[in-house]
Amino acid sequence: MRFPNKLMAGAALAVIAVSGSAAWAAIPDGSGVIHACYAKDTGRLRVTDTADNAPKKCTSQENKLTWNKQGPPAPAPAPPLPVVVKKYFSSGFIVFSGHNVPLTSLTVPSAPPSDGPTVAPLYMVQAKAVLGTSAADSQSISCYLVNNGLWIDESTVTLYAESPHVSAQQTVVLMAPVSMLSTVSLHCSAQKPASVGNVVITATPISGFVYSS
């Protein structure tokens, strides 16, 4: 005689489970919107089904909140930043002398247009040059990277030519980070006539770079 009662109890639980899942199936609603109630005093947040106010609609002690299940689309990724390379005097050397003589320059580009967040990256600028001298005695040649009138890196070499007919040469490399739309120049100083050639200036975009002078 108890067996049917167990069946009836099981059927009742099944009905409750089905009806409960049907009620919660409307969260989020058909448009993908989730509705919630935010308690003003405690900050407690609960969801609700606005179609049938289940389990309970928002009260006067609660604020209504809504958000989308999907969320807004992510912005398009920013286009890659260009790498700029400038070459000077690749077919031969030029002769210079004097203090802080400007030889070459490179302008760092701006970021390309983007629908995403605006970025202001740094560029790492590297200048490589071959210096030479035919002076019979030793000569010091200094070169500088100049940005907005400031020396941001420098290198000095001392060369000695064993013969006036044989030039002593050495390659120097200068490097420093700069911001977009900056003009970087390569300047060199020499008390006696010196030569420079095969100059390559490269600007490479970087991020998360920490620079300490």
C-alpha atoms as a PDB file:
ATOM      1  CA  MET A   1       0.000   0.000   0.000  1.00  0.00           C
ATOM      2  CA  ARG A   2       2.995   2.333   0.570  1.00  0.00           C
ATOM      3  CA  PHE A   3       4.473   1.727  -2.868  1.00  0.00           C
ATOM      4  CA  PRO A   4       2.024   4.016  -4.703  1.00  0.00           C
ATOM      5  CA  ASN A   5       2.727   6.786  -2.182  1.00  0.00           C
ATOM      6  CA  LYS A   6       6.419   6.613  -3.096  1.00  0.00           C
ATOM      7  CA  LEU A   7       5.511   6.868  -6.750  1.00  0.00           C
ATOM      8  CA  MET A   8       3.335   9.906  -6.092  1.00  0.00           C
ATOM      9  CA  ALA A   9       6.106  11.575  -4.059  1.00  0.00           C
ATOM     10  CA  GLY A  10       8.600  10.932  -6.816  1.00  0.00           C
ATOM     11  CA  ALA A  11       6.224  12.315  -9.431  1.00  0.00           C
ATOM     12  CA  ALA A  12       5.689  15.435  -7.331  1.00  0.00           C
ATOM     13  CA  LEU A  13       9.419  16.026  -7.049  1.00  0.00           C
ATOM     14  CA  ALA A  14       9.785  15.585 -10.791  1.00  0.00           C
ATOM     15  CA  VAL A  15       7.064  18.160 -11.415  1.00  0.00           C
ATOM     16  CA  ILE A  16       8.778  20.608  -9.060  1.00  0.00           C
ATOM     17  CA  ALA A  17      12.135  20.067 -10.767  1.00  0.00           C
ATOM     18  CA  VAL A  18      10.638  20.572 -14.233  1.00  0.00           C
ATOM     19  CA  SER A  19       8.701  23.675 -13.231  1.00  0.00           C
ATOM     20  CA  GLY A  20      11.749  25.094 -11.468  1.00  0.00           C
ATOM     21  CA  SER A  21      13.986  24.603 -14.494  1.00  0.00           C
ATOM     22  CA  ALA A  22      11.336  26.157 -16.716  1.00  0.00           C
ATOM     23  CA  ALA A  23      11.219  29.239 -14.501  1.00  0.00           C
ATOM     24  CA  TRP A  24      14.978  29.671 -14.399  1.00  0.00           C
ATOM     25  CA  ALA A  25      15.278  29.029 -18.136  1.00  0.00           C
ATOM     26  CA  ALA A  26      14.152  32.641 -18.684  1.00  0.00           C
ATOM     27  CA  ILE A  27      17.359  33.955 -17.076  1.00  0.00           C
ATOM     28  CA  PRO A  28      18.749  35.449 -19.215  1.00  0.00           C
ATOM     29  CA  ASP A  29      15.671  36.468 -21.194  1.00  0.00           C
ATOM     30  CA  GLY A  30      15.123  35.873 -24.878  1.00  0.00           C
ATOM     31  CA  SER A  31      17.287  38.853 -25.781  1.00  0.00           C
ATOM     32  CA  GLY A  32      20.204  37.608 -23.698  1.00  0.00           C
ATOM     33  CA  VAL A  33      19.642  40.210 -20.954  1.00  0.00           C
ATOM     34  CA  ILE A  34      20.107  39.274 -17.295  1.00  0.00           C
ATOM     35  CA  HIS A  35      17.885  41.142 -14.808  1.00  0.00           C
ATOM     36  CA  ALA A  36      18.892  41.508 -11.177  1.00  0.00           C
ATOM     37  CA  CYS A  37      17.989  43.287  -7.952  1.00  0.00           C
ATOM     38  CA  TYR A  38      20.618  45.038  -5.829  1.00  0.00           C
ATOM     39  CA  ALA A  39      19.831  45.543  -2.130  1.00  0.00           C
ATOM     40  CA  LYS A  40      20.511  49.150  -1.139  1.00  0.00           C
ATOM     41  CA  ASP A  41      21.424  48.361   2.473  1.00  0.00           C
ATOM     42  CA  THR A  42      23.442  45.137   2.234  1.00  0.00           C
ATOM     43  CA  GLY A  43      24.626  45.149  -1.390  1.00  0.00           C
ATOM     44  CA  ARG A  44      23.185  41.661  -1.897  1.00  0.00           C
ATOM     45  CA  LEU A  45      22.631  40.866  -5.578  1.00  0.00           C
ATOM     46  CA  ARG A  46      20.089  38.402  -6.908  1.00  0.00           C
ATOM     47  CA  VAL A  47      18.725  37.607 -10.362  1.00  0.00           C
ATOM     48  CA  THR A  48      15.062  37.638 -11.287  1.00  0.00           C
ATOM     49  CA  ASP A  49      12.843  36.699 -14.211  1.00  0.00           C
ATOM     50  CA  THR A  50      10.902  39.799 -15.276  1.00  0.00           C
ATOM     51  CA  ALA A  51       8.489  37.736 -17.367  1.00  0.00           C
ATOM     52  CA  ASP A  52       6.807  36.169 -14.327  1.00  0.00           C
ATOM     53  CA  ASN A  53       8.686  37.919 -11.463  1.00  0.00           C
ATOM     54  CA  ALA A  54      10.168  34.635 -10.299  1.00  0.00           C
ATOM     55  CA  PRO A  55      11.486  34.056  -7.767  1.00  0.00           C
ATOM     56  CA  LYS A  56      10.616  37.613  -6.735  1.00  0.00           C
ATOM     57  CA  LYS A  57      10.538  40.987  -8.444  1.00  0.00           C
ATOM     58  CA  CYS A  58      12.700  43.903  -7.255  1.00  0.00           C
ATOM     59  CA  THR A  59      11.330  45.693  -4.179  1.00  0.00           C
ATOM     60  CA  SER A  60      11.507  49.363  -3.217  1.00  0.00           C
ATOM     61  CA  GLN A  61      14.559  48.484  -1.119  1.00  0.00           C
ATOM     62  CA  GLU A  62      16.432  47.280  -4.200  1.00  0.00           C
ATOM     63  CA  ASN A  63      17.816  48.830  -7.369  1.00  0.00           C
ATOM     64  CA  LYS A  64      17.267  47.202 -10.735  1.00  0.00           C
ATOM     65  CA  LEU A  65      20.325  46.155 -12.699  1.00  0.00           C
ATOM     66  CA  THR A  66      20.663  44.630 -16.155  1.00  0.00           C
ATOM     67  CA  TRP A  67      23.559  43.376 -18.237  1.00  0.00           C
ATOM     68  CA  ASN A  68      24.041  41.308 -21.355  1.00  0.00           C
ATOM     69  CA  LYS A  69      25.052  37.697 -21.236  1.00  0.00           C
ATOM     70  CA  GLN A  70      27.206  38.125 -24.333  1.00  0.00           C
ATOM     71  CA  GLY A  71      28.718  41.504 -23.474  1.00  0.00           C
ATOM     72  CA  PRO A  72      29.886  44.148 -25.942  1.00  0.00           C
ATOM     73  CA  PRO A  73      32.146  43.076 -28.797  1.00  0.00           C
ATOM     74  CA  ALA A  74      35.846  43.516 -28.211  1.00  0.00           C
ATOM     75  CA  PRO A  75      37.496  46.382 -30.097  1.00  0.00           C
ATOM     76  CA  ALA A  76      39.477  45.525 -33.179  1.00  0.00           C
ATOM     77  CA  PRO A  77      43.173  44.983 -32.452  1.00  0.00           C
ATOM     78  CA  ALA A  78      45.436  47.872 -33.299  1.00  0.00           C
ATOM     79  CA  PRO A  79      47.402  47.509 -36.531  1.00  0.00           C
ATOM     80  CA  PRO A  80      51.045  46.580 -36.059  1.00  0.00           C
ATOM     81  CA  LEU A  81      53.406  49.514 -35.681  1.00  0.00           C
ATOM     82  CA  PRO A  82      55.966  49.938 -38.455  1.00  0.00           C
ATOM     83  CA  VAL A  83      59.697  49.414 -38.148  1.00  0.00           C
ATOM     84  CA  VAL A  84      61.575  52.291 -39.792  1.00  0.00           C
ATOM     85  CA  VAL A  85      65.033  51.827 -41.295  1.00  0.00           C
ATOM     86  CA  LYS A  86      67.151  54.603 -42.847  1.00  0.00           C
ATOM     87  CA  LYS A  87      70.507  54.057 -44.546  1.00  0.00           C
ATOM     88  CA  TYR A  88      73.080  56.745 -45.324  1.00  0.00           C
ATOM     89  CA  PHE A  89      76.453  56.781 -47.041  1.00  0.00           C
ATOM     90  CA  SER A  90      76.180  53.081 -47.906  1.00  0.00           C
ATOM     91  CA  SER A  91      78.179  53.592 -51.127  1.00  0.00           C
ATOM     92  CA  GLY A  92      81.037  55.536 -49.565  1.00  0.00           C
ATOM     93  CA  PHE A  93      82.296  57.684 -46.718  1.00  0.00           C
ATOM     94  CA  ILE A  94      81.974  61.407 -46.121  1.00  0.00           C
ATOM     95  CA  VAL A  95      84.613  63.504 -44.385  1.00  0.00           C
ATOM     96  CA  PHE A  96      83.744  65.854 -41.526  1.00  0.00           C
ATOM     97  CA  SER A  97      85.460  67.780 -38.765  1.00  0.00           C
ATOM     98  CA  GLY A  98      84.335  70.086 -36.011  1.00  0.00           C
ATOM     99  CA  HIS A  99      82.147  69.866 -32.929  1.00  0.00           C
ATOM    100  CA  ASN A 100      78.686  68.275 -32.863  1.00  0.00           C
ATOM    101  CA  VAL A 101      78.305  68.044 -36.647  1.00  0.00           C
ATOM    102  CA  PRO A 102      74.797  66.816 -37.677  1.00  0.00           C
ATOM    103  CA  LEU A 103      75.130  63.938 -40.121  1.00  0.00           C
ATOM    104  CA  THR A 104      71.813  62.086 -40.446  1.00  0.00           C
ATOM    105  CA  SER A 105      68.311  61.994 -38.950  1.00  0.00           C
ATOM    106  CA  LEU A 106      65.224  59.796 -38.676  1.00  0.00           C
ATOM    107  CA  THR A 107      61.637  60.705 -37.732  1.00  0.00           C
ATOM    108  CA  VAL A 108      59.775  58.136 -35.615  1.00  0.00           C
ATOM    109  CA  PRO A 109      56.238  57.588 -37.021  1.00  0.00           C
ATOM    110  CA  SER A 110      52.963  57.879 -35.152  1.00  0.00           C
ATOM    111  CA  ALA A 111      50.658  54.943 -34.400  1.00  0.00           C
ATOM    112  CA  PRO A 112      48.319  54.082 -37.312  1.00  0.00           C
ATOM    113  CA  PRO A 113      44.584  54.845 -36.872  1.00  0.00           C
ATOM    114  CA  SER A 114      42.708  52.243 -34.836  1.00  0.00           C
ATOM    115  CA  ASP A 115      39.164  51.679 -33.543  1.00  0.00           C
ATOM    116  CA  GLY A 116      40.619  50.268 -30.335  1.00  0.00           C
ATOM    117  CA  PRO A 117      42.256  52.094 -27.436  1.00  0.00           C
ATOM    118  CA  THR A 118      44.868  54.694 -28.312  1.00  0.00           C
ATOM    119  CA  VAL A 119      48.387  53.596 -27.531  1.00  0.00           C
ATOM    120  CA  ALA A 120      51.513  55.677 -27.177  1.00  0.00           C
ATOM    121  CA  PRO A 121      54.361  53.186 -27.466  1.00  0.00           C
ATOM    122  CA  LEU A 122      58.059  53.860 -27.244  1.00  0.00           C
ATOM    123  CA  TYR A 123      60.451  53.228 -30.097  1.00  0.00           C
ATOM    124  CA  MET A 124      63.934  51.883 -29.628  1.00  0.00           C
ATOM    125  CA  VAL A 125      66.241  53.786 -31.963  1.00  0.00           C
ATOM    126  CA  GLN A 126      69.587  52.266 -32.903  1.00  0.00           C
ATOM    127  CA  ALA A 127      72.257  53.998 -34.970  1.00  0.00           C
ATOM    128  CA  LYS A 128      75.215  52.078 -36.353  1.00  0.00           C
ATOM    129  CA  ALA A 129      78.079  53.815 -38.176  1.00  0.00           C
ATOM    130  CA  VAL A 130      81.629  53.090 -39.344  1.00  0.00           C
ATOM    131  CA  LEU A 131      84.076  55.803 -38.288  1.00  0.00           C
ATOM    132  CA  GLY A 132      87.515  56.284 -39.802  1.00  0.00           C
ATOM    133  CA  THR A 133      90.611  58.483 -39.736  1.00  0.00           C
ATOM    134  CA  SER A 134      93.843  58.832 -41.661  1.00  0.00           C
ATOM    135  CA  ALA A 135      95.526  60.964 -39.027  1.00  0.00           C
ATOM    136  CA  ALA A 136      99.100  59.884 -38.284  1.00  0.00           C
ATOM    137  CA  ASP A 137      98.575  60.294 -34.558  1.00  0.00           C
ATOM    138  CA  SER A 138      95.678  59.108 -32.432  1.00  0.00           C
ATOM    139  CA  GLN A 139      92.331  60.839 -32.801  1.00  0.00           C
ATOM    140  CA  SER A 140      89.199  60.640 -30.668  1.00  0.00           C
ATOM    141  CA  ILE A 141      85.858  60.705 -32.478  1.00  0.00           C
ATOM    142  CA  SER A 142      82.607  61.104 -30.528  1.00  0.00           C
ATOM    143  CA  CYS A 143      79.104  60.476 -31.843  1.00  0.00           C
ATOM    144  CA  TYR A 144      75.764  61.285 -30.213  1.00  0.00           C
ATOM    145  CA  LEU A 145      72.096  60.466 -30.636  1.00  0.00           C
ATOM    146  CA  VAL A 146      70.197  63.739 -30.258  1.00  0.00           C
ATOM    147  CA  ASN A 147      66.456  63.947 -29.571  1.00  0.00           C
ATOM    148  CA  ASN A 148      64.742  67.328 -29.153  1.00  0.00           C
ATOM    149  CA  GLY A 149      68.086  68.985 -28.502  1.00  0.00           C
ATOM    150  CA  LEU A 150      69.130  66.455 -25.841  1.00  0.00           C
ATOM    151  CA  TRP A 151      71.914  63.885 -26.076  1.00  0.00           C
ATOM    152  CA  ILE A 152      70.282  60.534 -25.328  1.00  0.00           C
ATOM    153  CA  ASP A 153      73.300  58.312 -26.027  1.00  0.00           C
ATOM    154  CA  GLU A 154      76.921  58.782 -26.992  1.00  0.00           C
ATOM    155  CA  SER A 155      79.995  56.784 -27.908  1.00  0.00           C
ATOM    156  CA  THR A 156      83.676  57.774 -28.241  1.00  0.00           C
ATOM    157  CA  VAL A 157      86.398  55.835 -30.051  1.00  0.00           C
ATOM    158  CA  THR A 158      90.119  56.531 -30.366  1.00  0.00           C
ATOM    159  CA  LEU A 159      91.656  55.611 -33.711  1.00  0.00           C
ATOM    160  CA  TYR A 160      95.242  55.556 -34.903  1.00  0.00           C
ATOM    161  CA  ALA A 161      96.242  55.192 -38.542  1.00  0.00           C
ATOM    162  CA  GLU A 162      99.598  53.479 -38.987  1.00  0.00           C
ATOM    163  CA  SER A 163     100.005  55.164 -42.361  1.00  0.00           C
ATOM    164  CA  PRO A 164      98.430  58.203 -44.054  1.00  0.00           C
ATOM    165  CA  HIS A 165      97.464  55.870 -46.878  1.00  0.00           C
ATOM    166  CA  VAL A 166      95.624  53.413 -44.614  1.00  0.00           C
ATOM    167  CA  SER A 167      92.510  54.507 -42.747  1.00  0.00           C
ATOM    168  CA  ALA A 168      91.799  53.171 -39.271  1.00  0.00           C
ATOM    169  CA  GLN A 169      88.137  52.240 -38.887  1.00  0.00           C
ATOM    170  CA  GLN A 170      85.789  51.172 -36.114  1.00  0.00           C
ATOM    171  CA  THR A 171      82.039  50.567 -35.886  1.00  0.00           C
ATOM    172  CA  VAL A 172      80.022  52.338 -33.186  1.00  0.00           C
ATOM    173  CA  VAL A 173      76.478  51.549 -32.046  1.00  0.00           C
ATOM    174  CA  LEU A 174      74.220  53.962 -30.200  1.00  0.00           C
ATOM    175  CA  MET A 175      70.795  53.102 -28.784  1.00  0.00           C
ATOM    176  CA  ALA A 176      68.020  54.840 -26.812  1.00  0.00           C
ATOM    177  CA  PRO A 177      64.194  54.770 -26.457  1.00  0.00           C
ATOM    178  CA  VAL A 178      62.166  57.714 -27.802  1.00  0.00           C
ATOM    179  CA  SER A 179      58.483  58.572 -28.135  1.00  0.00           C
ATOM    180  CA  MET A 180      56.413  58.708 -31.320  1.00  0.00           C
ATOM    181  CA  LEU A 181      56.812  61.602 -33.751  1.00  0.00           C
ATOM    182  CA  SER A 182      60.322  62.271 -32.448  1.00  0.00           C
ATOM    183  CA  THR A 183      63.163  63.268 -34.739  1.00  0.00           C
ATOM    184  CA  VAL A 184      66.436  61.599 -33.818  1.00  0.00           C
ATOM    185  CA  SER A 185      69.695  62.880 -35.282  1.00  0.00           C
ATOM    186  CA  LEU A 186      73.209  61.443 -35.386  1.00  0.00           C
ATOM    187  CA  HIS A 187      75.889  64.013 -34.594  1.00  0.00           C
ATOM    188  CA  CYS A 188      79.645  63.477 -34.449  1.00  0.00           C
ATOM    189  CA  SER A 189      82.660  65.494 -33.310  1.00  0.00           C
ATOM    190  CA  ALA A 190      86.266  65.269 -34.480  1.00  0.00           C
ATOM    191  CA  GLN A 191      89.153  67.734 -34.050  1.00  0.00           C
ATOM    192  CA  LYS A 192      90.798  66.527 -37.273  1.00  0.00           C
ATOM    193  CA  PRO A 193      89.169  65.361 -40.523  1.00  0.00           C
ATOM    194  CA  ALA A 194      87.417  62.037 -39.955  1.00  0.00           C
ATOM    195  CA  SER A 195      85.143  59.877 -42.051  1.00  0.00           C
ATOM    196  CA  VAL A 196      81.766  58.238 -41.478  1.00  0.00           C
ATOM    197  CA  GLY A 197      79.944  55.719 -43.641  1.00  0.00           C
ATOM    198  CA  ASN A 198      77.564  52.774 -43.764  1.00  0.00           C
ATOM    199  CA  VAL A 199      75.179  54.505 -41.353  1.00  0.00           C
ATOM    200  CA  VAL A 200      72.011  52.573 -40.517  1.00  0.00           C
ATOM    201  CA  ILE A 201      69.372  54.041 -38.180  1.00  0.00           C
ATOM    202  CA  THR A 202      66.518  51.738 -37.123  1.00  0.00           C
ATOM    203  CA  ALA A 203      63.405  52.596 -35.086  1.00  0.00           C
ATOM    204  CA  THR A 204      61.654  49.522 -33.631  1.00  0.00           C
ATOM    205  CA  PRO A 205      58.389  49.748 -31.605  1.00  0.00           C
ATOM    206  CA  ILE A 206      58.628  48.384 -28.067  1.00  0.00           C
ATOM    207  CA  SER A 207      56.263  48.054 -25.086  1.00  0.00           C
ATOM    208  CA  GLY A 208      56.815  47.527 -21.382  1.00  0.00           C
ATOM    209  CA  PHE A 209      60.384  48.782 -21.689  1.00  0.00           C
ATOM    210  CA  VAL A 210      61.987  50.295 -18.582  1.00  0.00           C
ATOM    211  CA  TYR A 211      64.854  52.632 -19.332  1.00  0.00           C
ATOM    212  CA  SER A 212      67.325  53.933 -16.764  1.00  0.00           C
ATOM    213  CA  SER A 213      70.119  56.273 -17.710  1.00  0.00           C
END
